[in-house]
Amino acid sequence: MREWQVGDPIGDGNDIGVPDVPYMDYLKKHDYGKTDRRSRNVSKSELFLEEALRLKGEGKFYDALAFINAAITYNPGLCENWNVRGIILWNIYENDNYDVAFEATDSFTRALEIEPQNRTVANNKAKFLTLWAMKEYGAENFGFAEANADEALATFKDKTYYEYAMALFIKARIFRQRCEYGEALEYYDMVLELYPNDEGVKKEKEEVLVLF
């Protein structure tokens, strides 16, 4: 299995989806002033979201971030706003601004607080956590890398993603680094269940078997 590289395709923007949100159902029928105001806020939020997505598509990620922040200001209860914010910050992270990693993760977390069963958002968060784990592993921050890999594995809704196998692979390498060879072998086997013909993983497993 090859090493993760920043810039590899992740599919962060192709399956965003727009959930249906019953904006007005919870309002009292006689509360016309508040209804009108909230309706206007929702409309403004939708316009800012649309502009954020357009700017993101043009690679203008910081401008997109400003617009999605405005969208959230007008409608903080929309899962999609937070999901898109996470994706925009993900793009910023991939352009070598690693300081936004916590913000990206928090945005996906906020989206899941609004829609806990949203599979797309959960997979987005898990993919980003895997990317972050690989970065921290490369920097030899093994404890942090393991924590991110663990959270990613617990968050994934779809285990067919390549990033799911990568999170397992990170765990295998961390156990190997700690000389916990039995646990490392278990994780190598889980990776091979998904990618049985991966020669790199097979080679690493054989090296651990010699040490075990």
C-alpha atoms as a PDB file:
ATOM      1  CA  MET A   1       0.000   0.000   0.000  1.00  0.00           C
ATOM      2  CA  ARG A   2       1.500   3.358  -1.014  1.00  0.00           C
ATOM      3  CA  GLU A   3       1.936   6.197   1.452  1.00  0.00           C
ATOM      4  CA  TRP A   4      -0.714   8.879   1.625  1.00  0.00           C
ATOM      5  CA  GLN A   5       0.291  12.037  -0.205  1.00  0.00           C
ATOM      6  CA  VAL A   6      -1.219  15.461   0.200  1.00  0.00           C
ATOM      7  CA  GLY A   7      -3.031  16.278  -2.990  1.00  0.00           C
ATOM      8  CA  ASP A   8      -4.350  12.773  -3.641  1.00  0.00           C
ATOM      9  CA  PRO A   9      -7.989  12.809  -4.764  1.00  0.00           C
ATOM     10  CA  ILE A  10     -10.385  12.431  -1.892  1.00  0.00           C
ATOM     11  CA  GLY A  11     -13.784  13.064  -3.416  1.00  0.00           C
ATOM     12  CA  ASP A  12     -14.603  15.742  -0.908  1.00  0.00           C
ATOM     13  CA  GLY A  13     -17.047  17.670  -3.018  1.00  0.00           C
ATOM     14  CA  ASN A  14     -18.873  15.163  -5.168  1.00  0.00           C
ATOM     15  CA  ASP A  15     -21.235  13.703  -2.609  1.00  0.00           C
ATOM     16  CA  ILE A  16     -22.125  16.674  -0.451  1.00  0.00           C
ATOM     17  CA  GLY A  17     -25.876  16.324  -0.761  1.00  0.00           C
ATOM     18  CA  VAL A  18     -28.418  18.829   0.506  1.00  0.00           C
ATOM     19  CA  PRO A  19     -30.605  17.497   3.314  1.00  0.00           C
ATOM     20  CA  ASP A  20     -34.210  18.599   3.627  1.00  0.00           C
ATOM     21  CA  VAL A  21     -34.663  20.823   6.647  1.00  0.00           C
ATOM     22  CA  PRO A  22     -38.167  21.847   7.777  1.00  0.00           C
ATOM     23  CA  TYR A  23     -37.202  25.413   8.559  1.00  0.00           C
ATOM     24  CA  MET A  24     -40.622  26.747   9.395  1.00  0.00           C
ATOM     25  CA  ASP A  25     -42.605  23.848  10.845  1.00  0.00           C
ATOM     26  CA  TYR A  26     -41.593  24.520  14.405  1.00  0.00           C
ATOM     27  CA  LEU A  27     -42.732  28.147  14.415  1.00  0.00           C
ATOM     28  CA  LYS A  28     -45.955  29.283  15.979  1.00  0.00           C
ATOM     29  CA  LYS A  29     -48.523  30.171  13.345  1.00  0.00           C
ATOM     30  CA  HIS A  30     -49.308  33.533  14.918  1.00  0.00           C
ATOM     31  CA  ASP A  31     -45.621  34.549  15.128  1.00  0.00           C
ATOM     32  CA  TYR A  32     -45.604  36.341  11.784  1.00  0.00           C
ATOM     33  CA  GLY A  33     -42.831  38.825  12.576  1.00  0.00           C
ATOM     34  CA  LYS A  34     -40.392  36.146  13.638  1.00  0.00           C
ATOM     35  CA  THR A  35     -41.466  33.922  10.759  1.00  0.00           C
ATOM     36  CA  ASP A  36     -40.693  36.612   8.196  1.00  0.00           C
ATOM     37  CA  ARG A  37     -37.353  37.411   9.787  1.00  0.00           C
ATOM     38  CA  ARG A  38     -36.301  33.784   9.963  1.00  0.00           C
ATOM     39  CA  SER A  39     -37.447  33.205   6.410  1.00  0.00           C
ATOM     40  CA  ARG A  40     -35.273  36.101   5.255  1.00  0.00           C
ATOM     41  CA  ASN A  41     -32.316  34.728   7.211  1.00  0.00           C
ATOM     42  CA  VAL A  42     -32.738  31.315   5.585  1.00  0.00           C
ATOM     43  CA  SER A  43     -32.828  32.929   2.148  1.00  0.00           C
ATOM     44  CA  LYS A  44     -29.671  34.911   2.879  1.00  0.00           C
ATOM     45  CA  SER A  45     -27.969  31.784   4.165  1.00  0.00           C
ATOM     46  CA  GLU A  46     -28.843  29.905   0.980  1.00  0.00           C
ATOM     47  CA  LEU A  47     -27.351  32.692  -1.157  1.00  0.00           C
ATOM     48  CA  PHE A  48     -24.139  32.750   0.877  1.00  0.00           C
ATOM     49  CA  LEU A  49     -23.906  28.947   0.716  1.00  0.00           C
ATOM     50  CA  GLU A  50     -24.310  29.005  -3.055  1.00  0.00           C
ATOM     51  CA  GLU A  51     -21.584  31.623  -3.385  1.00  0.00           C
ATOM     52  CA  ALA A  52     -19.274  29.666  -1.053  1.00  0.00           C
ATOM     53  CA  LEU A  53     -19.656  26.579  -3.226  1.00  0.00           C
ATOM     54  CA  ARG A  54     -18.960  28.600  -6.373  1.00  0.00           C
ATOM     55  CA  LEU A  55     -15.785  30.092  -4.910  1.00  0.00           C
ATOM     56  CA  LYS A  56     -14.675  26.700  -3.632  1.00  0.00           C
ATOM     57  CA  GLY A  57     -15.066  25.312  -7.153  1.00  0.00           C
ATOM     58  CA  GLU A  58     -12.791  28.095  -8.401  1.00  0.00           C
ATOM     59  CA  GLY A  59     -10.159  27.257  -5.796  1.00  0.00           C
ATOM     60  CA  LYS A  60     -10.715  30.507  -3.866  1.00  0.00           C
ATOM     61  CA  PHE A  61     -10.883  28.757  -0.536  1.00  0.00           C
ATOM     62  CA  TYR A  62     -10.400  31.687   1.841  1.00  0.00           C
ATOM     63  CA  ASP A  63     -13.084  33.706   0.042  1.00  0.00           C
ATOM     64  CA  ALA A  64     -15.321  30.638   0.169  1.00  0.00           C
ATOM     65  CA  LEU A  65     -14.676  30.364   3.904  1.00  0.00           C
ATOM     66  CA  ALA A  66     -15.833  33.952   4.448  1.00  0.00           C
ATOM     67  CA  PHE A  67     -19.092  33.263   2.621  1.00  0.00           C
ATOM     68  CA  ILE A  68     -19.830  29.976   4.376  1.00  0.00           C
ATOM     69  CA  ASN A  69     -19.188  31.696   7.712  1.00  0.00           C
ATOM     70  CA  ALA A  70     -21.805  34.272   6.712  1.00  0.00           C
ATOM     71  CA  ALA A  71     -24.203  31.480   5.741  1.00  0.00           C
ATOM     72  CA  ILE A  72     -23.767  29.931   9.182  1.00  0.00           C
ATOM     73  CA  THR A  73     -24.393  33.279  10.863  1.00  0.00           C
ATOM     74  CA  TYR A  74     -27.817  33.454   9.220  1.00  0.00           C
ATOM     75  CA  ASN A  75     -28.684  29.766   9.596  1.00  0.00           C
ATOM     76  CA  PRO A  76     -26.477  27.924  12.120  1.00  0.00           C
ATOM     77  CA  GLY A  77     -28.944  25.050  12.338  1.00  0.00           C
ATOM     78  CA  LEU A  78     -28.384  23.786   8.793  1.00  0.00           C
ATOM     79  CA  CYS A  79     -26.198  20.692   8.647  1.00  0.00           C
ATOM     80  CA  GLU A  80     -25.095  21.452   5.095  1.00  0.00           C
ATOM     81  CA  ASN A  81     -23.574  24.792   6.073  1.00  0.00           C
ATOM     82  CA  TRP A  82     -21.277  23.126   8.583  1.00  0.00           C
ATOM     83  CA  ASN A  83     -20.468  20.250   6.222  1.00  0.00           C
ATOM     84  CA  VAL A  84     -19.395  22.659   3.477  1.00  0.00           C
ATOM     85  CA  ARG A  85     -17.356  24.659   5.988  1.00  0.00           C
ATOM     86  CA  GLY A  86     -15.515  21.467   6.938  1.00  0.00           C
ATOM     87  CA  ILE A  87     -14.823  20.692   3.289  1.00  0.00           C
ATOM     88  CA  ILE A  88     -13.528  24.208   2.583  1.00  0.00           C
ATOM     89  CA  LEU A  89     -11.212  24.017   5.592  1.00  0.00           C
ATOM     90  CA  TRP A  90     -10.130  20.571   4.367  1.00  0.00           C
ATOM     91  CA  ASN A  91      -9.074  22.177   1.077  1.00  0.00           C
ATOM     92  CA  ILE A  92      -7.182  24.875   2.967  1.00  0.00           C
ATOM     93  CA  TYR A  93      -5.457  22.158   5.007  1.00  0.00           C
ATOM     94  CA  GLU A  94      -4.385  20.379   1.840  1.00  0.00           C
ATOM     95  CA  ASN A  95      -2.839  23.619   0.636  1.00  0.00           C
ATOM     96  CA  ASP A  96      -0.362  23.445   3.515  1.00  0.00           C
ATOM     97  CA  ASN A  97      -2.236  25.402   6.182  1.00  0.00           C
ATOM     98  CA  TYR A  98      -2.288  22.703   8.818  1.00  0.00           C
ATOM     99  CA  ASP A  99      -3.500  25.062  11.547  1.00  0.00           C
ATOM    100  CA  VAL A 100      -7.108  24.673  10.386  1.00  0.00           C
ATOM    101  CA  ALA A 101      -7.293  20.938  11.141  1.00  0.00           C
ATOM    102  CA  PHE A 102      -9.119  21.377  14.437  1.00  0.00           C
ATOM    103  CA  GLU A 103     -11.597  23.789  12.837  1.00  0.00           C
ATOM    104  CA  ALA A 104     -12.307  21.369   9.997  1.00  0.00           C
ATOM    105  CA  THR A 105     -12.962  18.508  12.393  1.00  0.00           C
ATOM    106  CA  ASP A 106     -15.133  20.726  14.595  1.00  0.00           C
ATOM    107  CA  SER A 107     -17.218  21.784  11.586  1.00  0.00           C
ATOM    108  CA  PHE A 108     -18.008  18.184  10.689  1.00  0.00           C
ATOM    109  CA  THR A 109     -18.774  17.481  14.339  1.00  0.00           C
ATOM    110  CA  ARG A 110     -21.217  20.409  14.446  1.00  0.00           C
ATOM    111  CA  ALA A 111     -22.897  19.096  11.295  1.00  0.00           C
ATOM    112  CA  LEU A 112     -23.313  15.662  12.891  1.00  0.00           C
ATOM    113  CA  GLU A 113     -24.783  17.204  16.033  1.00  0.00           C
ATOM    114  CA  ILE A 114     -27.546  18.563  13.811  1.00  0.00           C
ATOM    115  CA  GLU A 115     -27.973  15.364  11.740  1.00  0.00           C
ATOM    116  CA  PRO A 116     -26.353  12.462  13.627  1.00  0.00           C
ATOM    117  CA  GLN A 117     -27.342   9.892  10.980  1.00  0.00           C
ATOM    118  CA  ASN A 118     -25.973  11.810   7.988  1.00  0.00           C
ATOM    119  CA  ARG A 119     -23.688   9.239   6.343  1.00  0.00           C
ATOM    120  CA  THR A 120     -22.059  11.704   3.957  1.00  0.00           C
ATOM    121  CA  VAL A 121     -20.956  14.038   6.730  1.00  0.00           C
ATOM    122  CA  ALA A 122     -19.736  11.137   8.887  1.00  0.00           C
ATOM    123  CA  ASN A 123     -17.639   9.774   6.016  1.00  0.00           C
ATOM    124  CA  ASN A 124     -16.286  13.255   5.276  1.00  0.00           C
ATOM    125  CA  LYS A 125     -15.189  13.648   8.887  1.00  0.00           C
ATOM    126  CA  ALA A 126     -13.627  10.183   8.960  1.00  0.00           C
ATOM    127  CA  LYS A 127     -11.729  10.758   5.706  1.00  0.00           C
ATOM    128  CA  PHE A 128     -10.327  14.027   6.986  1.00  0.00           C
ATOM    129  CA  LEU A 129      -9.308  12.447  10.299  1.00  0.00           C
ATOM    130  CA  THR A 130      -7.447   9.750   8.357  1.00  0.00           C
ATOM    131  CA  LEU A 131      -5.593  12.356   6.312  1.00  0.00           C
ATOM    132  CA  TRP A 132      -4.704  14.203   9.505  1.00  0.00           C
ATOM    133  CA  ALA A 133      -3.593  10.960  11.173  1.00  0.00           C
ATOM    134  CA  MET A 134      -1.226  10.217   8.282  1.00  0.00           C
ATOM    135  CA  LYS A 135       0.275  13.701   8.584  1.00  0.00           C
ATOM    136  CA  GLU A 136       0.829  13.290  12.312  1.00  0.00           C
ATOM    137  CA  TYR A 137       2.249   9.795  11.839  1.00  0.00           C
ATOM    138  CA  GLY A 138       4.759  11.190   9.363  1.00  0.00           C
ATOM    139  CA  ALA A 139       5.722  13.809  11.956  1.00  0.00           C
ATOM    140  CA  GLU A 140       6.181  10.981  14.513  1.00  0.00           C
ATOM    141  CA  ASN A 141       3.325  12.260  16.662  1.00  0.00           C
ATOM    142  CA  PHE A 142       2.224   8.694  17.139  1.00  0.00           C
ATOM    143  CA  GLY A 143      -0.209   9.219  20.011  1.00  0.00           C
ATOM    144  CA  PHE A 144      -2.079  11.936  18.153  1.00  0.00           C
ATOM    145  CA  ALA A 145      -2.024   9.917  14.941  1.00  0.00           C
ATOM    146  CA  GLU A 146      -3.503   6.907  16.735  1.00  0.00           C
ATOM    147  CA  ALA A 147      -6.236   8.988  18.362  1.00  0.00           C
ATOM    148  CA  ASN A 148      -7.279  10.392  14.979  1.00  0.00           C
ATOM    149  CA  ALA A 149      -7.172   6.945  13.365  1.00  0.00           C
ATOM    150  CA  ASP A 150      -9.320   5.512  16.165  1.00  0.00           C
ATOM    151  CA  GLU A 151     -11.894   8.278  15.800  1.00  0.00           C
ATOM    152  CA  ALA A 152     -11.910   7.857  12.035  1.00  0.00           C
ATOM    153  CA  LEU A 153     -12.523   4.119  12.286  1.00  0.00           C
ATOM    154  CA  ALA A 154     -15.370   4.731  14.752  1.00  0.00           C
ATOM    155  CA  THR A 155     -16.921   7.399  12.501  1.00  0.00           C
ATOM    156  CA  PHE A 156     -16.859   5.762   9.069  1.00  0.00           C
ATOM    157  CA  LYS A 157     -20.276   4.683   7.808  1.00  0.00           C
ATOM    158  CA  ASP A 158     -18.888   3.062   4.673  1.00  0.00           C
ATOM    159  CA  LYS A 159     -15.918   0.707   5.041  1.00  0.00           C
ATOM    160  CA  THR A 160     -15.319   0.484   1.302  1.00  0.00           C
ATOM    161  CA  TYR A 161     -13.529   3.835   1.228  1.00  0.00           C
ATOM    162  CA  TYR A 162      -9.778   3.634   0.654  1.00  0.00           C
ATOM    163  CA  GLU A 163      -9.288   5.925   3.642  1.00  0.00           C
ATOM    164  CA  TYR A 164     -10.855   3.320   5.927  1.00  0.00           C
ATOM    165  CA  ALA A 165      -8.088   0.869   4.980  1.00  0.00           C
ATOM    166  CA  MET A 166      -5.549   3.644   5.465  1.00  0.00           C
ATOM    167  CA  ALA A 167      -6.767   4.208   9.037  1.00  0.00           C
ATOM    168  CA  LEU A 168      -6.336   0.485   9.720  1.00  0.00           C
ATOM    169  CA  PHE A 169      -2.870   0.637   8.159  1.00  0.00           C
ATOM    170  CA  ILE A 170      -1.888   3.530  10.443  1.00  0.00           C
ATOM    171  CA  LYS A 171      -2.976   1.470  13.444  1.00  0.00           C
ATOM    172  CA  ALA A 172      -0.899  -1.490  12.254  1.00  0.00           C
ATOM    173  CA  ARG A 173       2.199   0.659  11.886  1.00  0.00           C
ATOM    174  CA  ILE A 174       1.745   2.299  15.273  1.00  0.00           C
ATOM    175  CA  PHE A 175       1.447  -1.091  16.989  1.00  0.00           C
ATOM    176  CA  ARG A 176       4.546  -2.228  15.109  1.00  0.00           C
ATOM    177  CA  GLN A 177       6.416   0.883  16.213  1.00  0.00           C
ATOM    178  CA  ARG A 178       5.499   0.055  19.830  1.00  0.00           C
ATOM    179  CA  CYS A 179       6.658  -3.556  19.334  1.00  0.00           C
ATOM    180  CA  GLU A 180       3.111  -4.786  19.943  1.00  0.00           C
ATOM    181  CA  TYR A 181       3.399  -7.268  17.119  1.00  0.00           C
ATOM    182  CA  GLY A 182       0.290  -9.345  17.779  1.00  0.00           C
ATOM    183  CA  GLU A 183      -1.946  -6.286  17.555  1.00  0.00           C
ATOM    184  CA  ALA A 184      -0.052  -5.064  14.487  1.00  0.00           C
ATOM    185  CA  LEU A 185      -0.696  -8.360  12.720  1.00  0.00           C
ATOM    186  CA  GLU A 186      -4.413  -8.116  13.467  1.00  0.00           C
ATOM    187  CA  TYR A 187      -4.616  -4.745  11.759  1.00  0.00           C
ATOM    188  CA  TYR A 188      -2.488  -5.837   8.793  1.00  0.00           C
ATOM    189  CA  ASP A 189      -4.935  -8.723   8.355  1.00  0.00           C
ATOM    190  CA  MET A 190      -7.892  -6.320   8.404  1.00  0.00           C
ATOM    191  CA  VAL A 191      -6.257  -4.252   5.672  1.00  0.00           C
ATOM    192  CA  LEU A 192      -5.599  -7.378   3.620  1.00  0.00           C
ATOM    193  CA  GLU A 193      -9.228  -8.414   3.934  1.00  0.00           C
ATOM    194  CA  LEU A 194     -10.061  -5.258   2.022  1.00  0.00           C
ATOM    195  CA  TYR A 195      -7.027  -5.248  -0.303  1.00  0.00           C
ATOM    196  CA  PRO A 196      -5.812  -8.877  -0.488  1.00  0.00           C
ATOM    197  CA  ASN A 197      -3.374  -8.211  -3.334  1.00  0.00           C
ATOM    198  CA  ASP A 198      -1.542  -5.274  -1.794  1.00  0.00           C
ATOM    199  CA  GLU A 199       2.091  -6.340  -1.938  1.00  0.00           C
ATOM    200  CA  GLY A 200       3.297  -3.531   0.327  1.00  0.00           C
ATOM    201  CA  VAL A 201       1.016  -4.573   3.156  1.00  0.00           C
ATOM    202  CA  LYS A 202       1.941  -8.235   2.651  1.00  0.00           C
ATOM    203  CA  LYS A 203       5.629  -7.350   2.901  1.00  0.00           C
ATOM    204  CA  GLU A 204       5.165  -5.386   6.104  1.00  0.00           C
ATOM    205  CA  LYS A 205       3.138  -8.212   7.625  1.00  0.00           C
ATOM    206  CA  GLU A 206       5.901 -10.709   6.785  1.00  0.00           C
ATOM    207  CA  GLU A 207       8.456  -8.452   8.450  1.00  0.00           C
ATOM    208  CA  VAL A 208       6.346  -8.371  11.601  1.00  0.00           C
ATOM    209  CA  LEU A 209       5.888 -12.142  11.546  1.00  0.00           C
ATOM    210  CA  VAL A 210       9.676 -12.533  11.711  1.00  0.00           C
ATOM    211  CA  LEU A 211       9.775 -10.281  14.769  1.00  0.00           C
ATOM    212  CA  PHE A 212       6.735 -11.832  16.471  1.00  0.00           C
END
